[in-house]
Amino acid sequence: MRLLADECVYSKTIKFLKKEGHGVRTVQEEGLSGSKDREVLQHAIKNDLVLLTRDRDFQDIIKYPPSQHNGIIVMEIHPKHMDAVHRTLSKMLETHENLSRTLAIADRQKYRLVRG
């Protein structure tokens, strides 16, 4: 899966996903440091990327309707539970190859999907 990691995503998470074989680009690599949420999401849409973030604002399906993007994964992650969230994230990405038009929320115990 091709992902765009928001600025708030831990570098350990990015390394984990790359090791798992996922194509991960960062907001910094894409020249979007300091960009507004909408600009980051528009870049993901334009480049057919799933946005990976810790920013809970992206859970707002009124503001960011799943039917209008390639997928958003919001991680509810704290350094203390990082490995557990990584396991949940890995399971979700293995089970769901296509997250287009989906809001996915992953925490240390489970993941939830909201389809558009």
C-alpha atoms as a PDB file:
ATOM      1  CA  MET A   1       0.000   0.000   0.000  1.00  0.00           C
ATOM      2  CA  ARG A   2       1.251   3.497  -0.811  1.00  0.00           C
ATOM      3  CA  LEU A   3       1.037   5.813   2.183  1.00  0.00           C
ATOM      4  CA  LEU A   4       1.669   9.472   2.920  1.00  0.00           C
ATOM      5  CA  ALA A   5       2.844   9.892   6.522  1.00  0.00           C
ATOM      6  CA  ASP A   6       1.707  13.143   8.098  1.00  0.00           C
ATOM      7  CA  GLU A   7       4.212  15.224  10.096  1.00  0.00           C
ATOM      8  CA  CYS A   8       2.888  13.855  13.374  1.00  0.00           C
ATOM      9  CA  VAL A   9       3.623  10.191  12.540  1.00  0.00           C
ATOM     10  CA  TYR A  10       6.468   8.731  14.582  1.00  0.00           C
ATOM     11  CA  SER A  11       9.612   7.842  12.628  1.00  0.00           C
ATOM     12  CA  LYS A  12       9.537   4.402  14.266  1.00  0.00           C
ATOM     13  CA  THR A  13       6.116   3.827  12.663  1.00  0.00           C
ATOM     14  CA  ILE A  14       7.438   4.861   9.248  1.00  0.00           C
ATOM     15  CA  LYS A  15      10.403   2.483   9.590  1.00  0.00           C
ATOM     16  CA  PHE A  16       8.083  -0.315  10.703  1.00  0.00           C
ATOM     17  CA  LEU A  17       5.793   0.142   7.683  1.00  0.00           C
ATOM     18  CA  LYS A  18       8.700   0.275   5.235  1.00  0.00           C
ATOM     19  CA  LYS A  19      10.088  -2.936   6.747  1.00  0.00           C
ATOM     20  CA  GLU A  20       6.640  -4.495   6.212  1.00  0.00           C
ATOM     21  CA  GLY A  21       6.962  -3.626   2.509  1.00  0.00           C
ATOM     22  CA  HIS A  22       4.674  -0.598   2.279  1.00  0.00           C
ATOM     23  CA  GLY A  23       5.614   2.399   0.178  1.00  0.00           C
ATOM     24  CA  VAL A  24       5.711   5.283   2.629  1.00  0.00           C
ATOM     25  CA  ARG A  25       6.420   8.885   1.694  1.00  0.00           C
ATOM     26  CA  THR A  26       6.528  11.594   4.332  1.00  0.00           C
ATOM     27  CA  VAL A  27       5.019  15.051   4.226  1.00  0.00           C
ATOM     28  CA  GLN A  28       8.562  16.382   4.615  1.00  0.00           C
ATOM     29  CA  GLU A  29       9.831  14.391   1.595  1.00  0.00           C
ATOM     30  CA  GLU A  30       6.931  15.722  -0.455  1.00  0.00           C
ATOM     31  CA  GLY A  31       7.791  19.341   0.417  1.00  0.00           C
ATOM     32  CA  LEU A  32       4.641  19.837   2.483  1.00  0.00           C
ATOM     33  CA  SER A  33       6.117  20.627   5.901  1.00  0.00           C
ATOM     34  CA  GLY A  34       3.872  23.067   7.737  1.00  0.00           C
ATOM     35  CA  SER A  35       1.026  22.658   5.246  1.00  0.00           C
ATOM     36  CA  LYS A  36      -2.592  22.792   6.332  1.00  0.00           C
ATOM     37  CA  ASP A  37      -4.533  19.534   6.734  1.00  0.00           C
ATOM     38  CA  ARG A  38      -6.584  20.138   3.562  1.00  0.00           C
ATOM     39  CA  GLU A  39      -3.421  20.693   1.497  1.00  0.00           C
ATOM     40  CA  VAL A  40      -1.865  17.467   2.787  1.00  0.00           C
ATOM     41  CA  LEU A  41      -5.035  15.517   2.047  1.00  0.00           C
ATOM     42  CA  GLN A  42      -5.342  17.045  -1.440  1.00  0.00           C
ATOM     43  CA  HIS A  43      -1.757  15.983  -2.161  1.00  0.00           C
ATOM     44  CA  ALA A  44      -2.596  12.435  -1.044  1.00  0.00           C
ATOM     45  CA  ILE A  45      -5.687  12.388  -3.276  1.00  0.00           C
ATOM     46  CA  LYS A  46      -3.819  13.765  -6.280  1.00  0.00           C
ATOM     47  CA  ASN A  47      -1.033  11.185  -5.886  1.00  0.00           C
ATOM     48  CA  ASP A  48      -3.283   8.210  -5.055  1.00  0.00           C
ATOM     49  CA  LEU A  49      -1.897   7.841  -1.525  1.00  0.00           C
ATOM     50  CA  VAL A  50      -3.551   6.795   1.718  1.00  0.00           C
ATOM     51  CA  LEU A  51      -2.959   9.409   4.416  1.00  0.00           C
ATOM     52  CA  LEU A  52      -1.475   8.075   7.657  1.00  0.00           C
ATOM     53  CA  THR A  53      -1.776  10.399  10.653  1.00  0.00           C
ATOM     54  CA  ARG A  54      -2.149  10.767  14.396  1.00  0.00           C
ATOM     55  CA  ASP A  55      -4.227  13.923  13.906  1.00  0.00           C
ATOM     56  CA  ARG A  56      -7.712  13.154  15.235  1.00  0.00           C
ATOM     57  CA  ASP A  57      -9.187  16.056  13.247  1.00  0.00           C
ATOM     58  CA  PHE A  58      -9.158  13.683  10.263  1.00  0.00           C
ATOM     59  CA  GLN A  59     -11.748  11.492  12.052  1.00  0.00           C
ATOM     60  CA  ASP A  60     -14.384  14.126  11.274  1.00  0.00           C
ATOM     61  CA  ILE A  61     -16.326  12.470   8.428  1.00  0.00           C
ATOM     62  CA  ILE A  62     -18.352  15.644   7.853  1.00  0.00           C
ATOM     63  CA  LYS A  63     -15.202  17.668   7.201  1.00  0.00           C
ATOM     64  CA  TYR A  64     -13.366  14.793   5.443  1.00  0.00           C
ATOM     65  CA  PRO A  65     -16.019  12.493   3.930  1.00  0.00           C
ATOM     66  CA  PRO A  66     -14.585   9.044   3.146  1.00  0.00           C
ATOM     67  CA  SER A  67     -16.248   9.124  -0.282  1.00  0.00           C
ATOM     68  CA  GLN A  68     -13.923  11.974  -1.285  1.00  0.00           C
ATOM     69  CA  HIS A  69     -10.445  10.563  -0.589  1.00  0.00           C
ATOM     70  CA  ASN A  70      -8.150   7.574  -1.156  1.00  0.00           C
ATOM     71  CA  GLY A  71      -8.246   6.589   2.483  1.00  0.00           C
ATOM     72  CA  ILE A  72      -7.209   8.031   5.814  1.00  0.00           C
ATOM     73  CA  ILE A  73      -5.692   5.987   8.637  1.00  0.00           C
ATOM     74  CA  VAL A  74      -5.797   7.676  12.031  1.00  0.00           C
ATOM     75  CA  MET A  75      -3.620   6.013  14.634  1.00  0.00           C
ATOM     76  CA  GLU A  76      -4.465   6.406  18.280  1.00  0.00           C
ATOM     77  CA  ILE A  77      -0.902   5.802  19.384  1.00  0.00           C
ATOM     78  CA  HIS A  78       1.248   6.612  22.378  1.00  0.00           C
ATOM     79  CA  PRO A  79       4.941   5.659  22.558  1.00  0.00           C
ATOM     80  CA  LYS A  80       4.201   3.307  25.454  1.00  0.00           C
ATOM     81  CA  HIS A  81       1.801   1.246  23.260  1.00  0.00           C
ATOM     82  CA  MET A  82       3.559   1.700  19.924  1.00  0.00           C
ATOM     83  CA  ASP A  83       4.313  -1.984  19.288  1.00  0.00           C
ATOM     84  CA  ALA A  84       0.697  -2.980  19.971  1.00  0.00           C
ATOM     85  CA  VAL A  85      -0.607  -0.308  17.588  1.00  0.00           C
ATOM     86  CA  HIS A  86       1.908  -1.445  14.967  1.00  0.00           C
ATOM     87  CA  ARG A  87       0.556  -4.997  15.248  1.00  0.00           C
ATOM     88  CA  THR A  88      -3.005  -3.703  14.798  1.00  0.00           C
ATOM     89  CA  LEU A  89      -1.940  -1.573  11.845  1.00  0.00           C
ATOM     90  CA  SER A  90      -0.121  -4.498  10.226  1.00  0.00           C
ATOM     91  CA  LYS A  91      -3.153  -6.759  10.614  1.00  0.00           C
ATOM     92  CA  MET A  92      -5.439  -4.106   9.110  1.00  0.00           C
ATOM     93  CA  LEU A  93      -3.180  -3.485   6.104  1.00  0.00           C
ATOM     94  CA  GLU A  94      -2.785  -7.219   5.533  1.00  0.00           C
ATOM     95  CA  THR A  95      -6.545  -7.789   5.676  1.00  0.00           C
ATOM     96  CA  HIS A  96      -7.647  -4.743   3.667  1.00  0.00           C
ATOM     97  CA  GLU A  97      -5.583  -4.177   0.520  1.00  0.00           C
ATOM     98  CA  ASN A  98      -7.746  -1.261  -0.613  1.00  0.00           C
ATOM     99  CA  LEU A  99      -8.687   1.518   1.789  1.00  0.00           C
ATOM    100  CA  SER A 100      -9.995   3.902  -0.858  1.00  0.00           C
ATOM    101  CA  ARG A 101     -13.049   5.813   0.373  1.00  0.00           C
ATOM    102  CA  THR A 102     -12.368   4.611   3.923  1.00  0.00           C
ATOM    103  CA  LEU A 103     -11.596   6.173   7.271  1.00  0.00           C
ATOM    104  CA  ALA A 104      -9.634   3.659   9.342  1.00  0.00           C
ATOM    105  CA  ILE A 105      -8.921   4.164  13.030  1.00  0.00           C
ATOM    106  CA  ALA A 106      -6.308   1.918  14.626  1.00  0.00           C
ATOM    107  CA  ASP A 107      -5.460   1.650  18.299  1.00  0.00           C
ATOM    108  CA  ARG A 108      -3.578  -0.856  20.424  1.00  0.00           C
ATOM    109  CA  GLN A 109      -6.441  -3.365  20.558  1.00  0.00           C
ATOM    110  CA  LYS A 110      -8.448  -3.061  17.339  1.00  0.00           C
ATOM    111  CA  TYR A 111      -9.208  -1.136  14.199  1.00  0.00           C
ATOM    112  CA  ARG A 112     -12.459   0.294  12.868  1.00  0.00           C
ATOM    113  CA  LEU A 113     -13.388   1.122   9.287  1.00  0.00           C
ATOM    114  CA  VAL A 114     -15.904   3.703   8.083  1.00  0.00           C
ATOM    115  CA  ARG A 115     -16.589   3.379   4.352  1.00  0.00           C
ATOM    116  CA  GLY A 116     -17.869   6.174   2.159  1.00  0.00           C
END
